[in-house]
N, C-alpha and C. Protein backbone atom coordinates (compact mmCIF):
# COMPACT_ATOMS: atom_id res chain seq x y z
N UNK A 1 95.27 102.82 129.94
CA UNK A 1 95.34 103.56 128.60
C UNK A 1 94.05 104.51 128.16
N UNK A 2 94.58 105.56 127.45
CA UNK A 2 93.58 106.52 127.34
C UNK A 2 92.77 106.31 126.02
N UNK A 3 91.59 106.80 126.00
CA UNK A 3 90.84 106.54 124.70
C UNK A 3 91.16 107.48 123.57
N UNK A 4 90.74 106.97 122.52
CA UNK A 4 91.18 107.81 121.21
C UNK A 4 89.87 108.79 121.10
N UNK A 5 90.06 110.16 120.65
CA UNK A 5 89.09 111.03 120.30
C UNK A 5 88.99 110.54 118.77
N UNK A 6 87.71 110.13 118.33
CA UNK A 6 87.35 109.65 117.00
C UNK A 6 87.50 110.51 115.96
N UNK A 7 87.14 111.96 116.40
CA UNK A 7 87.25 113.00 115.55
C UNK A 7 88.63 113.39 114.88
N UNK A 8 89.64 113.27 116.07
CA UNK A 8 90.90 113.67 115.51
C UNK A 8 91.55 112.17 115.07
N UNK A 9 90.93 111.36 114.94
CA UNK A 9 91.75 110.03 114.63
C UNK A 9 91.71 109.68 113.04
N UNK A 10 92.76 108.92 112.62
CA UNK A 10 92.68 108.32 111.28
C UNK A 10 92.22 106.97 111.48
N UNK A 11 91.30 106.68 110.50
CA UNK A 11 90.55 105.43 110.69
C UNK A 11 90.74 104.65 109.40
N UNK A 12 91.25 103.67 109.52
CA UNK A 12 91.22 102.46 108.11
C UNK A 12 90.39 101.41 108.38
N UNK A 13 89.56 100.99 107.17
CA UNK A 13 88.67 100.05 107.36
C UNK A 13 88.71 99.04 106.15
N UNK A 14 89.05 97.69 106.48
CA UNK A 14 89.20 96.69 105.55
C UNK A 14 87.68 96.40 105.32
N UNK A 15 87.29 96.39 104.08
CA UNK A 15 85.95 96.09 103.61
C UNK A 15 84.92 97.35 103.77
N UNK A 16 85.75 98.60 103.91
CA UNK A 16 84.75 99.84 104.13
C UNK A 16 84.05 100.19 102.94
N UNK A 17 84.17 99.57 101.64
CA UNK A 17 83.80 100.06 100.51
C UNK A 17 82.20 99.56 100.23
N UNK A 18 81.72 98.61 101.26
CA UNK A 18 80.33 98.04 101.19
C UNK A 18 79.79 97.47 102.41
N UNK A 19 78.64 97.13 102.36
CA UNK A 19 78.18 96.31 103.47
C UNK A 19 78.44 96.95 104.75
N UNK A 20 78.55 96.22 105.78
CA UNK A 20 78.79 96.62 107.22
C UNK A 20 80.03 97.61 107.37
N UNK A 21 80.89 97.40 106.47
CA UNK A 21 82.31 98.26 106.50
C UNK A 21 81.97 99.57 106.12
N UNK A 22 80.92 99.76 104.97
CA UNK A 22 80.77 101.22 104.68
C UNK A 22 79.69 101.75 105.71
N UNK A 23 78.88 101.04 106.38
CA UNK A 23 78.15 101.59 107.32
C UNK A 23 78.89 102.00 108.49
N UNK A 24 79.93 101.10 109.06
CA UNK A 24 80.96 101.77 110.08
C UNK A 24 81.23 102.82 109.67
N UNK A 25 81.97 103.06 108.56
CA UNK A 25 82.54 104.33 108.05
C UNK A 25 81.71 105.54 108.14
N UNK A 26 80.38 105.27 107.61
CA UNK A 26 79.38 106.20 107.72
C UNK A 26 79.30 106.72 109.44
N UNK A 27 79.13 105.77 110.29
CA UNK A 27 78.86 106.02 111.60
C UNK A 27 80.18 106.85 112.02
N UNK A 28 81.34 106.69 111.61
CA UNK A 28 82.52 107.43 112.04
C UNK A 28 82.46 108.73 111.23
N UNK A 29 81.86 109.05 110.34
CA UNK A 29 81.68 110.39 109.68
C UNK A 29 80.61 111.11 110.58
N UNK A 30 79.65 110.45 110.92
CA UNK A 30 78.66 111.21 111.79
C UNK A 30 79.22 111.56 113.11
N UNK A 31 80.16 110.71 113.60
CA UNK A 31 80.86 111.04 114.77
C UNK A 31 81.87 112.19 114.81
N UNK A 32 82.09 112.68 113.42
CA UNK A 32 83.04 113.63 113.14
C UNK A 32 84.53 113.40 112.89
N UNK A 33 84.68 112.19 112.59
CA UNK A 33 86.03 111.51 112.12
C UNK A 33 86.29 112.14 110.77
N UNK A 34 87.46 112.97 110.63
CA UNK A 34 87.75 113.54 109.41
C UNK A 34 88.73 112.93 108.49
N UNK A 35 89.45 111.74 108.94
CA UNK A 35 90.37 111.13 107.79
C UNK A 35 89.91 109.44 107.93
N UNK A 36 89.53 109.06 106.71
CA UNK A 36 89.17 107.68 106.65
C UNK A 36 89.85 107.01 105.35
N UNK A 37 90.28 106.08 105.50
CA UNK A 37 90.86 105.26 104.46
C UNK A 37 90.02 103.84 104.43
N UNK A 38 89.52 103.70 103.02
CA UNK A 38 88.97 102.43 102.89
C UNK A 38 89.83 101.56 102.27
N UNK A 39 89.84 100.12 102.57
CA UNK A 39 90.65 99.15 102.06
C UNK A 39 89.55 98.23 101.08
N UNK A 40 89.76 98.20 99.88
CA UNK A 40 88.70 97.26 99.27
C UNK A 40 89.60 96.41 98.06
N UNK A 41 88.85 95.24 97.78
CA UNK A 41 89.21 94.33 96.82
C UNK A 41 89.20 95.18 95.37
N UNK A 42 87.88 95.84 95.19
CA UNK A 42 87.56 96.37 93.95
C UNK A 42 87.82 97.97 93.75
N UNK A 43 88.58 98.25 93.06
CA UNK A 43 88.97 99.79 93.00
C UNK A 43 88.15 100.74 92.76
N UNK A 44 86.97 100.31 91.72
CA UNK A 44 85.82 101.24 91.38
C UNK A 44 85.12 101.32 92.48
N UNK A 45 84.47 100.11 93.37
CA UNK A 45 83.78 100.34 94.19
C UNK A 45 84.48 100.94 95.48
N UNK A 46 85.68 100.79 95.59
CA UNK A 46 86.30 101.86 96.80
C UNK A 46 86.23 102.96 96.42
N UNK A 47 86.45 103.32 95.21
CA UNK A 47 86.65 104.87 94.85
C UNK A 47 85.06 105.43 94.98
N UNK A 48 84.03 104.73 94.57
CA UNK A 48 82.80 105.25 94.71
C UNK A 48 82.25 105.41 96.23
N UNK A 49 82.81 104.55 96.90
CA UNK A 49 82.39 104.49 98.32
C UNK A 49 83.04 105.88 99.10
N UNK A 50 84.32 105.82 98.74
CA UNK A 50 85.17 107.06 99.21
C UNK A 50 84.72 108.54 98.73
N UNK A 51 84.17 108.66 97.60
CA UNK A 51 83.49 109.78 96.99
C UNK A 51 82.24 109.90 97.78
N UNK A 52 81.47 108.89 98.15
CA UNK A 52 80.15 109.04 98.85
C UNK A 52 80.69 109.68 100.39
N UNK A 53 81.57 109.09 100.95
CA UNK A 53 81.72 109.82 102.30
C UNK A 53 82.25 111.09 102.21
N UNK A 54 83.20 111.21 101.24
CA UNK A 54 83.62 112.60 100.84
C UNK A 54 82.56 113.63 100.95
N UNK A 55 81.50 113.25 100.15
CA UNK A 55 80.43 114.22 99.95
C UNK A 55 79.39 114.52 100.90
N UNK A 56 79.54 113.37 102.06
CA UNK A 56 78.42 113.42 102.97
C UNK A 56 78.93 114.36 104.08
N UNK A 57 80.13 115.05 104.18
CA UNK A 57 80.40 115.85 105.43
C UNK A 57 81.39 116.79 104.86
N UNK A 58 81.42 118.03 105.25
CA UNK A 58 82.43 119.00 104.66
C UNK A 58 83.66 118.66 105.96
N UNK A 59 84.52 118.89 105.00
CA UNK A 59 86.25 118.76 105.68
C UNK A 59 86.68 117.06 105.80
N UNK A 60 86.03 116.47 105.31
CA UNK A 60 86.33 115.09 105.61
C UNK A 60 87.28 114.65 104.31
N UNK A 61 88.43 113.73 104.68
CA UNK A 61 89.37 113.13 103.65
C UNK A 61 88.87 111.67 103.67
N UNK A 62 88.30 111.26 102.58
CA UNK A 62 88.23 109.82 102.57
C UNK A 62 88.75 109.39 101.21
N UNK A 63 89.75 108.26 101.17
CA UNK A 63 90.42 107.57 100.19
C UNK A 63 90.25 106.13 100.11
N UNK A 64 90.39 105.53 99.07
CA UNK A 64 90.51 104.15 98.96
C UNK A 64 91.62 103.71 98.32
N UNK A 65 92.08 102.58 98.79
CA UNK A 65 93.38 101.86 98.21
C UNK A 65 92.77 100.46 97.70
N UNK A 66 92.95 99.71 96.96
CA UNK A 66 92.43 98.43 96.57
C UNK A 66 93.56 97.50 96.34
N UNK A 67 93.27 96.04 96.57
CA UNK A 67 94.21 95.13 96.80
C UNK A 67 93.63 93.89 97.53
N UNK A 68 94.51 93.00 97.43
CA UNK A 68 94.33 91.77 98.41
C UNK A 68 94.59 92.17 99.76
N UNK A 69 93.85 91.87 100.78
CA UNK A 69 94.38 92.42 102.29
C UNK A 69 94.95 91.26 102.70
N UNK A 70 94.95 89.91 102.31
CA UNK A 70 95.54 88.83 102.87
C UNK A 70 96.76 88.70 102.15
N UNK A 71 97.10 89.62 101.11
CA UNK A 71 98.58 89.20 100.41
C UNK A 71 99.65 90.32 101.30
N UNK A 72 100.76 89.72 101.73
CA UNK A 72 101.85 90.59 102.40
C UNK A 72 102.21 91.73 101.58
N UNK A 73 102.58 91.64 100.01
CA UNK A 73 103.13 92.61 99.13
C UNK A 73 101.91 93.71 99.09
N UNK A 74 100.60 93.08 98.86
CA UNK A 74 99.47 94.18 98.82
C UNK A 74 99.12 94.77 100.08
N UNK A 75 99.36 94.02 101.15
CA UNK A 75 98.90 94.75 102.54
C UNK A 75 99.94 95.86 102.75
N UNK A 76 101.43 95.76 102.44
CA UNK A 76 102.41 96.72 102.74
C UNK A 76 101.93 98.09 101.60
N UNK A 77 101.70 97.74 100.74
CA UNK A 77 101.27 98.81 99.59
C UNK A 77 100.02 99.40 100.01
N UNK A 78 99.08 98.81 100.54
CA UNK A 78 97.83 99.41 100.88
C UNK A 78 98.01 100.30 102.08
N UNK A 79 98.68 99.86 102.99
CA UNK A 79 98.79 100.57 104.14
C UNK A 79 99.88 102.07 103.72
N UNK A 80 100.92 101.78 102.81
CA UNK A 80 101.68 102.97 102.49
C UNK A 80 100.87 103.89 101.57
N UNK A 81 99.95 103.41 100.82
CA UNK A 81 99.09 104.42 99.95
C UNK A 81 98.17 105.48 100.98
N UNK A 82 97.68 104.70 101.86
CA UNK A 82 96.56 105.50 102.65
C UNK A 82 97.33 106.16 103.57
N UNK A 83 98.57 105.83 104.21
CA UNK A 83 99.23 106.60 105.19
C UNK A 83 99.80 107.76 104.51
N UNK A 84 100.32 107.75 103.36
CA UNK A 84 101.08 108.96 102.72
C UNK A 84 100.12 109.94 102.76
N UNK A 85 98.87 109.53 102.37
CA UNK A 85 97.78 110.84 102.11
C UNK A 85 97.25 111.20 103.53
N UNK A 86 96.88 110.18 104.31
CA UNK A 86 96.04 110.40 105.42
C UNK A 86 96.74 110.40 106.85
N UNK A 87 97.86 109.96 106.92
CA UNK A 87 98.67 109.62 108.05
C UNK A 87 98.72 108.40 108.73
N UNK A 88 99.25 107.95 109.54
CA UNK A 88 99.07 106.31 110.13
C UNK A 88 97.86 106.29 110.75
N UNK A 89 97.48 105.09 110.68
CA UNK A 89 96.26 104.67 111.48
C UNK A 89 96.31 104.66 112.90
N UNK A 90 95.34 105.55 113.32
CA UNK A 90 94.97 105.62 114.98
C UNK A 90 93.99 104.38 115.34
N UNK A 91 93.16 104.13 114.14
CA UNK A 91 92.07 102.99 114.68
C UNK A 91 92.10 102.26 113.26
N UNK A 92 91.99 100.90 113.45
CA UNK A 92 92.04 99.85 112.33
C UNK A 92 90.73 99.15 112.45
N UNK A 93 89.74 98.84 111.63
CA UNK A 93 88.70 98.10 111.58
C UNK A 93 88.71 97.20 110.64
N UNK A 94 88.68 95.73 110.98
CA UNK A 94 88.88 94.76 109.96
C UNK A 94 87.43 94.01 109.90
N UNK A 95 86.82 94.08 108.83
CA UNK A 95 85.57 93.54 108.39
C UNK A 95 85.79 92.37 107.52
N UNK A 96 86.98 91.84 107.30
CA UNK A 96 87.12 90.57 106.44
C UNK A 96 87.97 89.57 107.30
N UNK A 97 87.47 88.51 107.18
CA UNK A 97 88.02 87.31 108.03
C UNK A 97 89.51 86.83 107.32
N UNK A 98 89.81 87.13 106.37
CA UNK A 98 91.06 86.64 105.62
C UNK A 98 92.01 88.15 105.40
N UNK A 99 92.04 88.97 106.16
CA UNK A 99 92.84 90.01 105.98
C UNK A 99 94.02 90.19 106.97
N UNK A 100 94.50 88.92 107.24
CA UNK A 100 95.61 88.84 108.24
C UNK A 100 97.01 89.65 107.77
N UNK A 101 97.00 89.78 106.69
CA UNK A 101 98.37 90.52 106.20
C UNK A 101 98.23 91.95 106.35
N UNK A 102 97.34 92.72 106.20
CA UNK A 102 97.14 94.02 106.31
C UNK A 102 96.86 94.24 108.08
N UNK A 103 96.24 93.36 108.71
CA UNK A 103 96.19 93.43 110.03
C UNK A 103 97.50 93.46 110.53
N UNK A 104 98.52 92.45 110.22
CA UNK A 104 99.78 92.64 110.64
C UNK A 104 100.63 93.72 110.28
N UNK A 105 100.50 94.24 109.24
CA UNK A 105 101.28 95.34 108.72
C UNK A 105 100.74 96.59 109.67
N UNK A 106 99.40 96.83 109.95
CA UNK A 106 99.00 97.88 110.67
C UNK A 106 99.27 97.73 112.19
N UNK A 107 99.30 96.59 112.82
CA UNK A 107 99.73 96.31 114.21
C UNK A 107 101.28 96.71 114.23
N UNK A 108 102.43 96.46 113.09
CA UNK A 108 103.73 96.92 113.21
C UNK A 108 103.67 98.59 113.33
N UNK A 109 102.83 99.16 112.44
CA UNK A 109 102.91 100.58 112.18
C UNK A 109 102.40 101.18 113.78
N UNK A 110 101.38 100.71 114.29
CA UNK A 110 101.02 101.10 115.48
C UNK A 110 101.89 100.73 116.66
N UNK A 111 102.57 99.60 116.74
CA UNK A 111 103.67 99.62 117.57
C UNK A 111 104.82 100.64 117.56
N UNK A 112 105.00 101.02 116.24
CA UNK A 112 106.12 102.13 116.13
C UNK A 112 105.62 103.34 116.56
N UNK A 113 104.24 103.76 116.60
CA UNK A 113 103.50 104.87 117.20
C UNK A 113 103.34 104.70 118.76
N UNK A 114 103.44 103.39 119.17
CA UNK A 114 103.09 103.16 120.60
C UNK A 114 101.74 103.15 121.00
N UNK A 115 100.68 103.29 120.11
CA UNK A 115 99.27 103.48 120.47
C UNK A 115 98.56 102.93 119.21
N UNK A 116 97.13 102.69 119.56
CA UNK A 116 96.35 102.51 118.46
C UNK A 116 95.24 101.56 119.08
N UNK A 117 93.96 101.55 118.25
CA UNK A 117 92.90 100.43 118.42
C UNK A 117 92.70 99.75 117.21
N UNK A 118 92.39 98.42 117.51
CA UNK A 118 92.23 97.39 116.19
C UNK A 118 91.00 96.81 116.79
N UNK A 119 89.89 96.77 115.75
CA UNK A 119 88.59 96.21 116.19
C UNK A 119 88.38 95.09 115.03
N UNK A 120 88.27 93.77 115.19
CA UNK A 120 87.87 92.83 114.41
C UNK A 120 86.31 92.67 114.61
N UNK A 121 85.86 92.59 113.42
CA UNK A 121 84.36 92.64 113.23
C UNK A 121 84.10 91.20 112.69
N UNK A 122 83.24 90.32 113.31
CA UNK A 122 83.02 88.89 112.88
C UNK A 122 82.24 88.14 113.88
N UNK A 123 82.65 86.82 113.62
CA UNK A 123 81.85 85.90 114.81
C UNK A 123 82.54 85.75 115.93
N UNK A 124 83.76 85.89 116.06
CA UNK A 124 84.53 85.64 117.34
C UNK A 124 84.59 86.78 118.33
N UNK A 125 84.46 86.60 119.42
CA UNK A 125 84.38 87.52 120.43
C UNK A 125 85.13 87.21 121.80
N UNK A 126 86.13 88.14 121.95
CA UNK A 126 87.05 87.92 123.12
C UNK A 126 87.03 89.19 123.81
N UNK A 127 87.46 89.11 125.01
CA UNK A 127 87.66 90.41 126.00
C UNK A 127 88.76 91.18 125.41
N UNK A 128 88.62 92.69 125.51
CA UNK A 128 89.60 93.48 124.83
C UNK A 128 90.90 93.19 125.61
N UNK A 129 92.06 93.38 124.91
CA UNK A 129 93.25 93.16 125.60
C UNK A 129 94.41 94.39 124.93
N UNK A 130 95.25 94.50 125.64
CA UNK A 130 96.41 95.56 125.23
C UNK A 130 97.72 94.69 124.83
N UNK A 131 98.41 95.04 123.96
CA UNK A 131 99.76 94.48 123.60
C UNK A 131 100.26 96.04 122.94
N UNK A 132 101.41 96.21 123.56
CA UNK A 132 102.52 97.12 123.21
C UNK A 132 101.56 98.46 122.84
N UNK A 133 100.92 98.88 123.83
CA UNK A 133 99.96 100.01 123.78
C UNK A 133 98.96 100.15 122.87
N UNK A 134 98.60 98.89 122.34
CA UNK A 134 97.48 99.03 121.22
C UNK A 134 96.33 98.03 121.84
N UNK A 135 95.22 98.68 121.61
CA UNK A 135 93.99 98.03 122.37
C UNK A 135 93.55 97.20 121.15
N UNK A 136 93.26 95.98 121.47
CA UNK A 136 92.63 95.00 120.44
C UNK A 136 91.41 94.55 120.98
N UNK A 137 90.30 94.74 120.12
CA UNK A 137 88.99 94.11 120.74
C UNK A 137 88.17 93.78 119.37
N UNK A 138 87.17 93.02 119.91
CA UNK A 138 86.13 92.29 118.76
C UNK A 138 84.81 92.89 118.89
N UNK A 139 84.03 92.76 117.96
CA UNK A 139 82.70 93.09 117.75
C UNK A 139 82.12 92.01 117.03
N UNK A 140 81.02 91.10 117.57
CA UNK A 140 80.34 90.14 117.13
C UNK A 140 79.42 90.62 116.15
N UNK A 141 79.27 90.21 114.70
CA UNK A 141 78.26 90.65 113.94
C UNK A 141 77.31 89.62 113.66
N UNK A 142 77.55 88.53 113.95
CA UNK A 142 76.55 87.39 113.42
C UNK A 142 75.33 87.64 114.28
N UNK A 143 74.15 87.65 113.57
CA UNK A 143 72.80 87.65 114.13
C UNK A 143 72.48 88.89 114.72
N UNK A 144 73.32 90.13 114.40
CA UNK A 144 72.98 91.50 115.03
C UNK A 144 72.90 92.42 113.81
N UNK A 145 72.10 93.37 114.27
CA UNK A 145 71.59 94.19 113.15
C UNK A 145 72.77 95.07 112.97
N UNK A 146 72.87 95.44 111.54
CA UNK A 146 74.04 96.13 110.97
C UNK A 146 74.43 97.46 111.99
N UNK A 147 72.89 98.36 112.24
CA UNK A 147 73.28 99.88 112.90
C UNK A 147 73.75 99.22 114.25
N UNK A 148 73.46 98.26 114.86
CA UNK A 148 74.02 97.71 116.36
C UNK A 148 75.51 97.50 116.04
N UNK A 149 75.82 96.85 115.20
CA UNK A 149 77.37 96.28 114.87
C UNK A 149 78.08 97.82 114.81
N UNK A 150 77.81 98.42 113.74
CA UNK A 150 78.40 99.89 113.70
C UNK A 150 78.43 100.65 114.94
N UNK A 151 77.36 100.77 115.70
CA UNK A 151 77.39 101.46 116.90
C UNK A 151 78.44 100.86 118.08
N UNK A 152 78.41 99.72 118.01
CA UNK A 152 79.19 98.83 118.82
C UNK A 152 80.96 99.03 118.80
N UNK A 153 81.08 99.17 117.24
CA UNK A 153 82.46 99.22 116.74
C UNK A 153 82.90 100.79 117.39
N UNK A 154 82.19 101.80 117.10
CA UNK A 154 82.45 103.23 117.61
C UNK A 154 82.64 103.27 119.16
N UNK A 155 81.64 102.50 119.70
CA UNK A 155 82.02 102.41 121.32
C UNK A 155 83.15 101.97 121.62
N UNK A 156 83.75 100.88 120.76
CA UNK A 156 84.93 100.16 121.21
C UNK A 156 86.17 101.13 120.90
N UNK A 157 85.95 102.15 120.10
CA UNK A 157 87.08 102.93 119.75
C UNK A 157 87.08 104.11 120.69
N UNK A 158 86.17 104.67 121.26
CA UNK A 158 86.25 105.81 122.05
C UNK A 158 86.59 105.45 123.63
């Protein structure tokens, strides 16, 4: 399987409005990514984070959609909102343990495209594997420095 050029990728980050998710988004911006969608619980916080990313680099598109990533109806809406403006995700970063519905929706969209990368950030760690052309991998965040986690996520995507 070929690697994804992060500069030309559309990246969606669940939990990208704060904490480790926002730090990961900032690492993608520094790597040259031009299209970043943040999935947040809180609309104001998500919009503020997207504005911060937008103003941090020339030419970047950073948007936020808010809702419950564990809800199937919200998941479909969140994916539709971001995809309509940014395009379908090439890379999906999941920083929430309870984001199964949005993860499932993104996997379906990636299957239709025939490619993509999913990185789950949390306590679980397993070897990367491929399914239907989609690379699925994990980054352990427990007891790790936030910068190290963000760097590891970027490495898993390239």
